[in-house]
């Protein structure tokens, strides 16, 4: 049995769920999202809960995955998902340029990241907050931005998730001593 797939999803107040065939449309205060159900998986709305069921045991993995995707949509449409990135290093900066973000992270040129539909950016000092309804898109954008300048293993400068620990390597001086 899929332990995650068997759990019902509680629908929060102010959320509207519309199930039409293989499409589940979730509308909340922060936005709306649509999920397509794979073959062999069904979703039913009962008593302010969504119950996801599968046809046979062959669909165990899809059962849990689909339930998680619907749960993330319900949560994201009410309270947006967010990731925070921290820019650390001497002379490293992040700033807003209209709706876009500009990074100065040690290259000869500033790196510009275009605004993506459904994603909002906010900059406070050297901390960039990425938020949106779709958890997958927020994570993908955060990872794409992080790869602009990954944290250096010797000094720790670069772009990292807030609270992420980077284990620093000892330099040449520590090796010879």
N, C-alpha and C. Protein backbone atom coordinates (compact mmCIF):
# COMPACT_ATOMS: atom_id res chain seq x y z
N UNK A 1 0.83 -1.19 0.00
CA UNK A 1 0.00 0.00 0.00
C UNK A 1 0.87 1.25 0.00
N UNK A 2 0.43 2.24 -0.71
CA UNK A 2 1.11 3.53 -0.70
C UNK A 2 0.66 4.29 0.54
N UNK A 3 1.57 4.50 1.47
CA UNK A 3 1.20 5.15 2.73
C UNK A 3 0.82 6.61 2.51
N UNK A 4 1.55 7.29 1.63
CA UNK A 4 1.24 8.70 1.36
C UNK A 4 -0.03 8.81 0.53
N UNK A 5 -0.18 7.96 -0.46
CA UNK A 5 -1.34 8.02 -1.34
C UNK A 5 -2.66 7.75 -0.64
N UNK A 6 -2.64 6.97 0.43
CA UNK A 6 -3.87 6.64 1.14
C UNK A 6 -4.37 7.76 2.04
N UNK A 7 -3.53 8.73 2.35
CA UNK A 7 -3.95 9.83 3.23
C UNK A 7 -4.83 10.81 2.45
N UNK A 8 -5.98 11.18 3.01
CA UNK A 8 -6.82 12.17 2.33
C UNK A 8 -6.20 13.57 2.45
N UNK A 9 -6.52 14.43 1.50
CA UNK A 9 -6.01 15.80 1.50
C UNK A 9 -7.11 16.70 2.02
N UNK A 10 -6.83 17.42 3.10
CA UNK A 10 -7.82 18.34 3.66
C UNK A 10 -7.84 19.61 2.81
N UNK A 11 -9.03 20.02 2.42
CA UNK A 11 -9.19 21.24 1.63
C UNK A 11 -9.35 22.41 2.59
N UNK A 12 -8.45 23.37 2.49
CA UNK A 12 -8.51 24.54 3.37
C UNK A 12 -9.65 25.45 2.97
N UNK A 13 -10.09 26.27 3.91
CA UNK A 13 -11.18 27.19 3.64
C UNK A 13 -10.76 28.22 2.59
N UNK A 14 -11.65 28.51 1.67
CA UNK A 14 -11.34 29.46 0.60
C UNK A 14 -10.72 28.81 -0.62
N UNK A 15 -10.61 27.48 -0.61
CA UNK A 15 -10.05 26.74 -1.74
C UNK A 15 -11.18 26.07 -2.51
N UNK A 16 -11.11 26.17 -3.83
CA UNK A 16 -12.11 25.54 -4.69
C UNK A 16 -11.42 24.45 -5.50
N UNK A 17 -12.00 23.26 -5.49
CA UNK A 17 -11.48 22.12 -6.25
C UNK A 17 -12.50 21.75 -7.32
N UNK A 18 -12.05 21.69 -8.57
CA UNK A 18 -12.91 21.27 -9.67
C UNK A 18 -12.24 20.06 -10.33
N UNK A 19 -12.93 18.91 -10.29
CA UNK A 19 -12.41 17.69 -10.91
C UNK A 19 -13.25 17.41 -12.14
N UNK A 20 -12.60 17.49 -13.32
CA UNK A 20 -13.27 17.22 -14.59
C UNK A 20 -12.49 16.14 -15.33
N UNK A 21 -12.97 14.93 -15.26
CA UNK A 21 -12.28 13.82 -15.93
C UNK A 21 -10.90 13.59 -15.33
N UNK A 22 -9.86 13.82 -16.12
CA UNK A 22 -8.49 13.60 -15.66
C UNK A 22 -7.80 14.89 -15.21
N UNK A 23 -8.52 16.00 -15.16
CA UNK A 23 -7.94 17.27 -14.73
C UNK A 23 -8.48 17.67 -13.36
N UNK A 24 -7.57 18.12 -12.49
CA UNK A 24 -7.93 18.64 -11.18
C UNK A 24 -7.50 20.10 -11.17
N UNK A 25 -8.45 21.02 -11.02
CA UNK A 25 -8.17 22.45 -10.97
C UNK A 25 -8.32 22.91 -9.54
N UNK A 26 -7.25 23.52 -9.00
CA UNK A 26 -7.24 24.01 -7.63
C UNK A 26 -7.17 25.52 -7.67
N UNK A 27 -8.14 26.19 -7.06
CA UNK A 27 -8.16 27.66 -7.00
C UNK A 27 -8.11 28.07 -5.54
N UNK A 28 -7.20 29.01 -5.25
CA UNK A 28 -7.07 29.52 -3.90
C UNK A 28 -6.89 31.02 -3.91
N UNK A 29 -6.58 31.58 -2.75
CA UNK A 29 -6.45 33.04 -2.63
C UNK A 29 -5.20 33.57 -3.34
N UNK A 30 -4.16 32.76 -3.50
CA UNK A 30 -2.91 33.22 -4.12
C UNK A 30 -2.82 32.90 -5.61
N UNK A 31 -3.71 32.05 -6.12
CA UNK A 31 -3.66 31.71 -7.54
C UNK A 31 -4.38 30.41 -7.82
N UNK A 32 -4.12 29.86 -8.99
CA UNK A 32 -4.74 28.59 -9.35
C UNK A 32 -3.73 27.71 -10.06
N UNK A 33 -3.98 26.39 -9.99
CA UNK A 33 -3.09 25.40 -10.58
C UNK A 33 -3.90 24.24 -11.10
N UNK A 34 -3.43 23.63 -12.17
CA UNK A 34 -4.11 22.48 -12.76
C UNK A 34 -3.17 21.28 -12.76
N UNK A 35 -3.70 20.13 -12.40
CA UNK A 35 -2.94 18.89 -12.38
C UNK A 35 -3.67 17.86 -13.24
N UNK A 36 -2.93 17.17 -14.10
CA UNK A 36 -3.51 16.11 -14.93
C UNK A 36 -3.24 14.78 -14.26
N UNK A 37 -4.29 14.01 -14.03
CA UNK A 37 -4.16 12.71 -13.39
C UNK A 37 -3.67 11.68 -14.41
N UNK A 38 -2.69 10.85 -14.03
CA UNK A 38 -2.24 9.79 -14.95
C UNK A 38 -3.29 8.68 -15.05
N UNK A 39 -3.16 7.84 -16.08
CA UNK A 39 -4.07 6.71 -16.24
C UNK A 39 -3.95 5.78 -15.03
N UNK A 40 -5.08 5.26 -14.56
CA UNK A 40 -5.08 4.34 -13.42
C UNK A 40 -5.23 5.03 -12.09
N UNK A 41 -5.25 6.35 -12.07
CA UNK A 41 -5.38 7.13 -10.83
C UNK A 41 -6.65 7.96 -10.93
N UNK A 42 -7.44 7.97 -9.86
CA UNK A 42 -8.67 8.76 -9.81
C UNK A 42 -8.67 9.62 -8.55
N UNK A 43 -9.33 10.76 -8.62
CA UNK A 43 -9.47 11.65 -7.47
C UNK A 43 -10.94 11.99 -7.29
N UNK A 44 -11.39 11.97 -6.04
CA UNK A 44 -12.78 12.26 -5.71
C UNK A 44 -12.79 13.26 -4.56
N UNK A 45 -13.68 14.25 -4.65
CA UNK A 45 -13.82 15.26 -3.61
C UNK A 45 -14.99 14.86 -2.70
N UNK A 46 -14.70 14.61 -1.41
CA UNK A 46 -15.72 14.19 -0.45
C UNK A 46 -15.54 14.96 0.86
N UNK A 47 -16.59 15.60 1.34
CA UNK A 47 -16.61 16.23 2.67
C UNK A 47 -15.38 17.09 2.94
N UNK A 48 -15.10 18.04 2.12
CA UNK A 48 -13.94 18.94 2.23
C UNK A 48 -12.62 18.18 2.29
N UNK A 49 -12.56 17.05 1.61
CA UNK A 49 -11.33 16.26 1.48
C UNK A 49 -11.24 15.73 0.06
N UNK A 50 -10.00 15.54 -0.38
CA UNK A 50 -9.77 14.90 -1.68
C UNK A 50 -9.18 13.53 -1.39
N UNK A 51 -9.78 12.50 -1.98
CA UNK A 51 -9.28 11.14 -1.81
C UNK A 51 -8.77 10.67 -3.17
N UNK A 52 -7.50 10.24 -3.19
CA UNK A 52 -6.88 9.75 -4.42
C UNK A 52 -6.85 8.23 -4.35
N UNK A 53 -7.33 7.57 -5.40
CA UNK A 53 -7.36 6.10 -5.43
C UNK A 53 -6.66 5.61 -6.69
N UNK A 54 -6.23 4.33 -6.65
CA UNK A 54 -5.59 3.72 -7.81
C UNK A 54 -6.37 2.49 -8.23
N UNK A 55 -6.23 2.13 -9.49
CA UNK A 55 -6.97 0.99 -10.04
C UNK A 55 -6.37 -0.33 -9.55
N UNK A 56 -5.05 -0.51 -9.69
CA UNK A 56 -4.39 -1.75 -9.25
C UNK A 56 -3.10 -1.40 -8.53
N UNK A 57 -2.44 -2.43 -8.00
CA UNK A 57 -1.19 -2.22 -7.28
C UNK A 57 -0.04 -1.79 -8.19
N UNK A 58 -0.21 -1.93 -9.50
CA UNK A 58 0.84 -1.49 -10.43
C UNK A 58 1.04 0.02 -10.36
N UNK A 59 0.07 0.74 -9.84
CA UNK A 59 0.12 2.20 -9.83
C UNK A 59 0.48 2.77 -8.45
N UNK A 60 1.16 1.97 -7.60
CA UNK A 60 1.49 2.43 -6.25
C UNK A 60 2.32 3.71 -6.25
N UNK A 61 3.36 3.74 -7.06
CA UNK A 61 4.25 4.91 -7.08
C UNK A 61 3.52 6.14 -7.59
N UNK A 62 2.74 5.98 -8.65
CA UNK A 62 1.97 7.11 -9.19
C UNK A 62 0.90 7.58 -8.21
N UNK A 63 0.40 6.65 -7.40
CA UNK A 63 -0.62 6.98 -6.41
C UNK A 63 -0.08 8.00 -5.41
N UNK A 64 1.07 7.70 -4.83
CA UNK A 64 1.69 8.61 -3.86
C UNK A 64 2.13 9.91 -4.51
N UNK A 65 2.68 9.83 -5.71
CA UNK A 65 3.13 11.03 -6.42
C UNK A 65 1.96 11.96 -6.71
N UNK A 66 0.87 11.41 -7.22
CA UNK A 66 -0.28 12.24 -7.57
C UNK A 66 -0.88 12.89 -6.34
N UNK A 67 -0.96 12.14 -5.25
CA UNK A 67 -1.48 12.71 -4.01
C UNK A 67 -0.60 13.87 -3.55
N UNK A 68 0.72 13.71 -3.63
CA UNK A 68 1.65 14.78 -3.23
C UNK A 68 1.52 16.00 -4.13
N UNK A 69 1.36 15.79 -5.43
CA UNK A 69 1.21 16.92 -6.36
C UNK A 69 -0.06 17.71 -6.07
N UNK A 70 -1.16 17.00 -5.77
CA UNK A 70 -2.41 17.70 -5.45
C UNK A 70 -2.28 18.44 -4.12
N UNK A 71 -1.64 17.81 -3.13
CA UNK A 71 -1.43 18.47 -1.84
C UNK A 71 -0.59 19.73 -2.00
N UNK A 72 0.49 19.66 -2.80
CA UNK A 72 1.34 20.83 -3.03
C UNK A 72 0.57 21.93 -3.73
N UNK A 73 -0.34 21.57 -4.63
CA UNK A 73 -1.16 22.57 -5.32
C UNK A 73 -2.13 23.24 -4.35
N UNK A 74 -2.75 22.45 -3.47
CA UNK A 74 -3.68 23.02 -2.48
C UNK A 74 -2.95 23.96 -1.54
N UNK A 75 -1.79 23.54 -1.07
CA UNK A 75 -1.02 24.38 -0.15
C UNK A 75 -0.47 25.62 -0.86
N UNK A 76 0.01 25.46 -2.08
CA UNK A 76 0.61 26.57 -2.81
C UNK A 76 -0.38 27.64 -3.21
N UNK A 77 -1.62 27.25 -3.49
CA UNK A 77 -2.62 28.25 -3.88
C UNK A 77 -3.13 29.05 -2.69
N UNK A 78 -2.89 28.57 -1.47
CA UNK A 78 -3.29 29.32 -0.27
C UNK A 78 -2.13 30.07 0.36
N UNK A 79 -1.01 29.40 0.55
CA UNK A 79 0.20 30.04 1.07
C UNK A 79 1.30 29.70 0.09
N UNK A 80 1.83 30.68 -0.59
CA UNK A 80 2.79 30.42 -1.66
C UNK A 80 4.04 29.72 -1.14
N UNK A 81 4.64 28.90 -2.01
CA UNK A 81 5.91 28.26 -1.71
C UNK A 81 7.01 29.30 -1.87
N UNK A 82 8.03 29.22 -1.04
CA UNK A 82 9.13 30.16 -1.20
C UNK A 82 10.47 29.53 -0.85
N UNK A 83 11.49 30.00 -1.54
CA UNK A 83 12.87 29.60 -1.29
C UNK A 83 13.67 30.88 -1.12
N UNK A 84 14.64 30.85 -0.22
CA UNK A 84 15.49 32.02 -0.01
C UNK A 84 16.92 31.65 -0.38
N UNK A 85 17.53 32.52 -1.18
CA UNK A 85 18.92 32.35 -1.59
C UNK A 85 19.75 33.47 -0.99
N UNK A 86 20.93 33.13 -0.52
CA UNK A 86 21.82 34.09 0.10
C UNK A 86 23.05 34.26 -0.79
N UNK A 87 23.40 35.52 -1.08
CA UNK A 87 24.57 35.82 -1.90
C UNK A 87 25.67 36.28 -0.94
N UNK A 88 26.76 35.49 -0.83
CA UNK A 88 27.85 35.82 0.08
C UNK A 88 29.15 35.95 -0.70
N UNK A 89 29.96 36.89 -0.29
CA UNK A 89 31.25 37.11 -0.91
C UNK A 89 31.54 38.59 -1.03
N UNK A 90 32.80 38.95 -1.00
CA UNK A 90 33.20 40.35 -1.11
C UNK A 90 32.86 40.88 -2.49
N UNK A 91 32.06 41.93 -2.53
CA UNK A 91 31.67 42.54 -3.79
C UNK A 91 30.53 41.84 -4.50
N UNK A 92 30.01 40.76 -3.94
CA UNK A 92 28.89 40.05 -4.55
C UNK A 92 27.60 40.75 -4.18
N UNK A 93 26.77 41.04 -5.19
CA UNK A 93 25.53 41.77 -4.95
C UNK A 93 24.40 41.17 -5.76
N UNK A 94 23.19 41.40 -5.28
CA UNK A 94 21.98 41.06 -6.03
C UNK A 94 21.04 42.26 -5.91
N UNK A 95 20.43 42.64 -7.04
CA UNK A 95 19.51 43.77 -7.00
C UNK A 95 18.41 43.58 -8.04
N UNK A 96 17.30 44.27 -7.82
CA UNK A 96 16.17 44.21 -8.74
C UNK A 96 16.35 45.26 -9.82
N UNK A 97 16.03 44.88 -11.05
CA UNK A 97 16.03 45.80 -12.18
C UNK A 97 14.65 45.69 -12.83
N UNK A 98 13.69 46.45 -12.31
CA UNK A 98 12.31 46.29 -12.75
C UNK A 98 11.77 44.98 -12.19
N UNK A 99 11.36 44.07 -13.05
CA UNK A 99 10.88 42.75 -12.63
C UNK A 99 12.00 41.70 -12.67
N UNK A 100 13.15 42.06 -13.22
CA UNK A 100 14.27 41.12 -13.37
C UNK A 100 15.24 41.26 -12.21
N UNK A 101 16.16 40.30 -12.11
CA UNK A 101 17.18 40.33 -11.07
C UNK A 101 18.54 40.42 -11.74
N UNK A 102 19.43 41.21 -11.14
CA UNK A 102 20.79 41.36 -11.66
C UNK A 102 21.76 40.92 -10.56
N UNK A 103 22.65 39.98 -10.92
CA UNK A 103 23.66 39.48 -10.00
C UNK A 103 25.02 40.01 -10.40
N UNK A 104 25.79 40.47 -9.43
CA UNK A 104 27.20 40.79 -9.63
C UNK A 104 27.97 39.84 -8.73
N UNK A 105 28.47 38.76 -9.34
CA UNK A 105 29.08 37.69 -8.56
C UNK A 105 30.47 37.31 -9.07
N UNK A 106 31.30 38.30 -9.35
CA UNK A 106 32.68 38.04 -9.71
C UNK A 106 32.95 37.83 -11.17
N UNK A 107 31.97 37.95 -12.04
CA UNK A 107 32.20 37.86 -13.47
C UNK A 107 32.53 39.25 -14.00
N UNK A 108 33.02 39.32 -15.24
CA UNK A 108 33.34 40.61 -15.84
C UNK A 108 32.08 41.37 -16.23
N UNK A 109 30.94 40.71 -16.16
CA UNK A 109 29.67 41.33 -16.55
C UNK A 109 28.60 40.95 -15.52
N UNK A 110 27.60 41.79 -15.34
CA UNK A 110 26.49 41.39 -14.46
C UNK A 110 25.63 40.31 -15.13
N UNK A 111 25.11 39.41 -14.33
CA UNK A 111 24.27 38.32 -14.83
C UNK A 111 22.81 38.69 -14.57
N UNK A 112 22.01 38.69 -15.64
CA UNK A 112 20.61 39.09 -15.54
C UNK A 112 19.71 37.86 -15.63
N UNK A 113 18.75 37.76 -14.71
CA UNK A 113 17.77 36.68 -14.72
C UNK A 113 16.41 37.29 -15.00
N UNK A 114 15.78 36.81 -16.08
CA UNK A 114 14.47 37.33 -16.50
C UNK A 114 13.37 36.84 -15.56
N UNK A 115 12.32 37.64 -15.43
CA UNK A 115 11.17 37.25 -14.63
C UNK A 115 10.43 36.10 -15.31
N UNK A 116 9.99 35.14 -14.52
CA UNK A 116 9.25 34.00 -15.01
C UNK A 116 7.79 34.18 -14.59
N UNK A 117 6.87 33.84 -15.48
CA UNK A 117 5.45 33.99 -15.18
C UNK A 117 5.05 33.10 -14.00
N UNK A 118 4.36 33.68 -13.03
CA UNK A 118 3.90 32.93 -11.87
C UNK A 118 4.90 32.92 -10.72
N UNK A 119 6.07 33.50 -10.91
CA UNK A 119 7.11 33.54 -9.88
C UNK A 119 7.38 34.99 -9.54
N UNK A 120 7.49 35.30 -8.24
CA UNK A 120 7.82 36.66 -7.81
C UNK A 120 9.16 36.64 -7.09
N UNK A 121 9.91 37.72 -7.29
CA UNK A 121 11.21 37.88 -6.67
C UNK A 121 11.16 39.05 -5.70
N UNK A 122 11.90 38.93 -4.60
CA UNK A 122 12.05 40.04 -3.65
C UNK A 122 13.48 40.00 -3.14
N UNK A 123 14.10 41.18 -3.05
CA UNK A 123 15.49 41.27 -2.60
C UNK A 123 15.54 42.10 -1.33
N UNK A 124 16.19 41.56 -0.29
CA UNK A 124 16.42 42.28 0.95
C UNK A 124 17.88 42.07 1.32
N UNK A 125 18.68 43.15 1.26
CA UNK A 125 20.13 43.08 1.42
C UNK A 125 20.68 42.10 0.39
N UNK A 126 21.34 41.03 0.80
CA UNK A 126 21.86 40.05 -0.15
C UNK A 126 21.08 38.74 -0.08
N UNK A 127 19.81 38.83 0.30
CA UNK A 127 18.95 37.65 0.36
C UNK A 127 17.85 37.80 -0.68
N UNK A 128 17.76 36.82 -1.57
CA UNK A 128 16.75 36.81 -2.63
C UNK A 128 15.66 35.81 -2.24
N UNK A 129 14.41 36.27 -2.25
CA UNK A 129 13.27 35.41 -1.95
C UNK A 129 12.52 35.12 -3.24
N UNK A 130 12.36 33.84 -3.54
CA UNK A 130 11.64 33.40 -4.73
C UNK A 130 10.35 32.75 -4.24
N UNK A 131 9.20 33.22 -4.73
CA UNK A 131 7.94 32.65 -4.27
C UNK A 131 6.98 32.45 -5.44
N UNK A 132 6.10 31.47 -5.28
CA UNK A 132 5.13 31.17 -6.32
C UNK A 132 4.18 30.07 -5.88
N UNK A 133 3.18 29.82 -6.69
CA UNK A 133 2.15 28.82 -6.39
C UNK A 133 2.66 27.41 -6.64
N UNK A 134 3.47 27.22 -7.69
CA UNK A 134 3.93 25.89 -8.09
C UNK A 134 5.26 25.58 -7.41
N UNK A 135 5.26 24.57 -6.54
CA UNK A 135 6.46 24.21 -5.79
C UNK A 135 7.60 23.79 -6.71
N UNK A 136 7.28 23.06 -7.77
CA UNK A 136 8.30 22.59 -8.69
C UNK A 136 8.98 23.75 -9.41
N UNK A 137 8.21 24.73 -9.88
CA UNK A 137 8.79 25.87 -10.58
C UNK A 137 9.65 26.71 -9.66
N UNK A 138 9.21 26.91 -8.42
CA UNK A 138 10.00 27.68 -7.45
C UNK A 138 11.35 27.01 -7.22
N UNK A 139 11.35 25.68 -7.03
CA UNK A 139 12.59 24.95 -6.82
C UNK A 139 13.51 24.96 -8.03
N UNK A 140 12.93 24.84 -9.23
CA UNK A 140 13.73 24.86 -10.45
C UNK A 140 14.40 26.22 -10.65
N UNK A 141 13.65 27.30 -10.45
CA UNK A 141 14.21 28.65 -10.62
C UNK A 141 15.30 28.88 -9.58
N UNK A 142 15.06 28.47 -8.33
CA UNK A 142 16.06 28.65 -7.28
C UNK A 142 17.34 27.88 -7.61
N UNK A 143 17.21 26.67 -8.11
CA UNK A 143 18.39 25.88 -8.47
C UNK A 143 19.12 26.48 -9.66
N UNK A 144 18.37 26.98 -10.65
CA UNK A 144 19.00 27.61 -11.82
C UNK A 144 19.78 28.85 -11.39
N UNK A 145 19.23 29.63 -10.47
CA UNK A 145 19.93 30.82 -9.99
C UNK A 145 21.16 30.42 -9.18
N UNK A 146 21.05 29.37 -8.38
CA UNK A 146 22.18 28.91 -7.56
C UNK A 146 23.35 28.46 -8.44
N UNK A 147 23.06 27.89 -9.62
CA UNK A 147 24.14 27.42 -10.49
C UNK A 147 24.88 28.55 -11.19
N UNK A 148 24.40 29.78 -11.08
CA UNK A 148 25.14 30.92 -11.65
C UNK A 148 26.51 31.01 -11.00
N UNK A 149 26.56 30.88 -9.68
CA UNK A 149 27.83 30.89 -8.95
C UNK A 149 27.67 30.00 -7.72
N UNK A 150 28.04 28.72 -7.88
CA UNK A 150 27.94 27.79 -6.76
C UNK A 150 28.91 28.20 -5.66
N UNK A 151 28.63 27.86 -4.41
CA UNK A 151 29.53 28.24 -3.31
C UNK A 151 30.92 27.64 -3.49
N UNK A 152 31.92 28.47 -3.27
CA UNK A 152 33.32 28.08 -3.37
C UNK A 152 33.68 27.19 -2.18
N UNK A 153 34.34 26.05 -2.38
CA UNK A 153 34.63 25.16 -1.25
C UNK A 153 35.75 25.67 -0.34
N UNK A 154 36.48 26.71 -0.75
CA UNK A 154 37.57 27.22 0.07
C UNK A 154 37.18 28.43 0.90
N UNK A 155 36.43 29.36 0.33
CA UNK A 155 36.02 30.55 1.07
C UNK A 155 34.52 30.61 1.33
N UNK A 156 33.74 29.81 0.64
CA UNK A 156 32.30 29.78 0.84
C UNK A 156 31.54 30.87 0.12
N UNK A 157 32.22 31.62 -0.75
CA UNK A 157 31.52 32.70 -1.45
C UNK A 157 30.76 32.16 -2.66
N UNK A 158 29.60 32.75 -2.91
CA UNK A 158 28.75 32.30 -4.00
C UNK A 158 27.28 32.45 -3.62
N UNK A 159 26.42 31.72 -4.32
CA UNK A 159 24.99 31.76 -4.07
C UNK A 159 24.59 30.43 -3.44
N UNK A 160 23.93 30.49 -2.28
CA UNK A 160 23.50 29.28 -1.58
C UNK A 160 22.11 29.48 -0.99
N UNK A 161 21.47 28.37 -0.64
CA UNK A 161 20.19 28.46 0.05
C UNK A 161 20.42 29.02 1.44
N UNK A 162 19.47 29.80 1.94
CA UNK A 162 19.61 30.35 3.28
C UNK A 162 19.61 29.21 4.29
N UNK A 163 20.60 29.21 5.16
CA UNK A 163 20.73 28.16 6.16
C UNK A 163 21.53 26.96 5.69
N UNK A 164 21.94 26.92 4.42
CA UNK A 164 22.72 25.80 3.89
C UNK A 164 24.14 25.88 4.44
N UNK A 165 24.65 24.75 4.90
CA UNK A 165 25.99 24.69 5.45
C UNK A 165 26.96 24.21 4.38
N UNK A 166 28.03 24.97 4.17
CA UNK A 166 29.07 24.60 3.22
C UNK A 166 30.31 24.21 4.02
N UNK A 167 30.74 22.96 3.88
CA UNK A 167 31.94 22.51 4.57
C UNK A 167 33.14 23.04 3.80
N UNK A 168 33.93 23.87 4.46
CA UNK A 168 35.08 24.49 3.80
C UNK A 168 36.29 23.56 3.85
N UNK A 169 37.03 23.53 2.75
CA UNK A 169 38.25 22.74 2.67
C UNK A 169 39.41 23.56 3.22
N UNK A 170 40.39 22.91 3.81
CA UNK A 170 41.58 23.66 4.23
C UNK A 170 42.41 24.03 3.00
N UNK A 171 43.06 25.17 3.05
CA UNK A 171 43.89 25.60 1.93
C UNK A 171 45.25 24.93 1.93
N UNK A 172 46.15 25.43 1.08
CA UNK A 172 47.49 24.86 0.97
C UNK A 172 48.29 25.06 2.25
N UNK A 173 48.07 26.18 2.92
CA UNK A 173 48.83 26.48 4.14
C UNK A 173 48.55 25.44 5.22
N UNK A 174 47.32 25.02 5.36
CA UNK A 174 46.96 24.04 6.38
C UNK A 174 47.56 22.67 6.04
N UNK A 175 47.78 22.40 4.77
CA UNK A 175 48.30 21.12 4.34
C UNK A 175 49.78 20.96 4.71
N UNK A 176 50.54 22.05 4.60
CA UNK A 176 51.98 21.97 4.85
C UNK A 176 52.33 22.08 6.32
N UNK A 177 51.46 22.58 7.13
CA UNK A 177 51.77 22.79 8.55
C UNK A 177 51.73 21.51 9.33
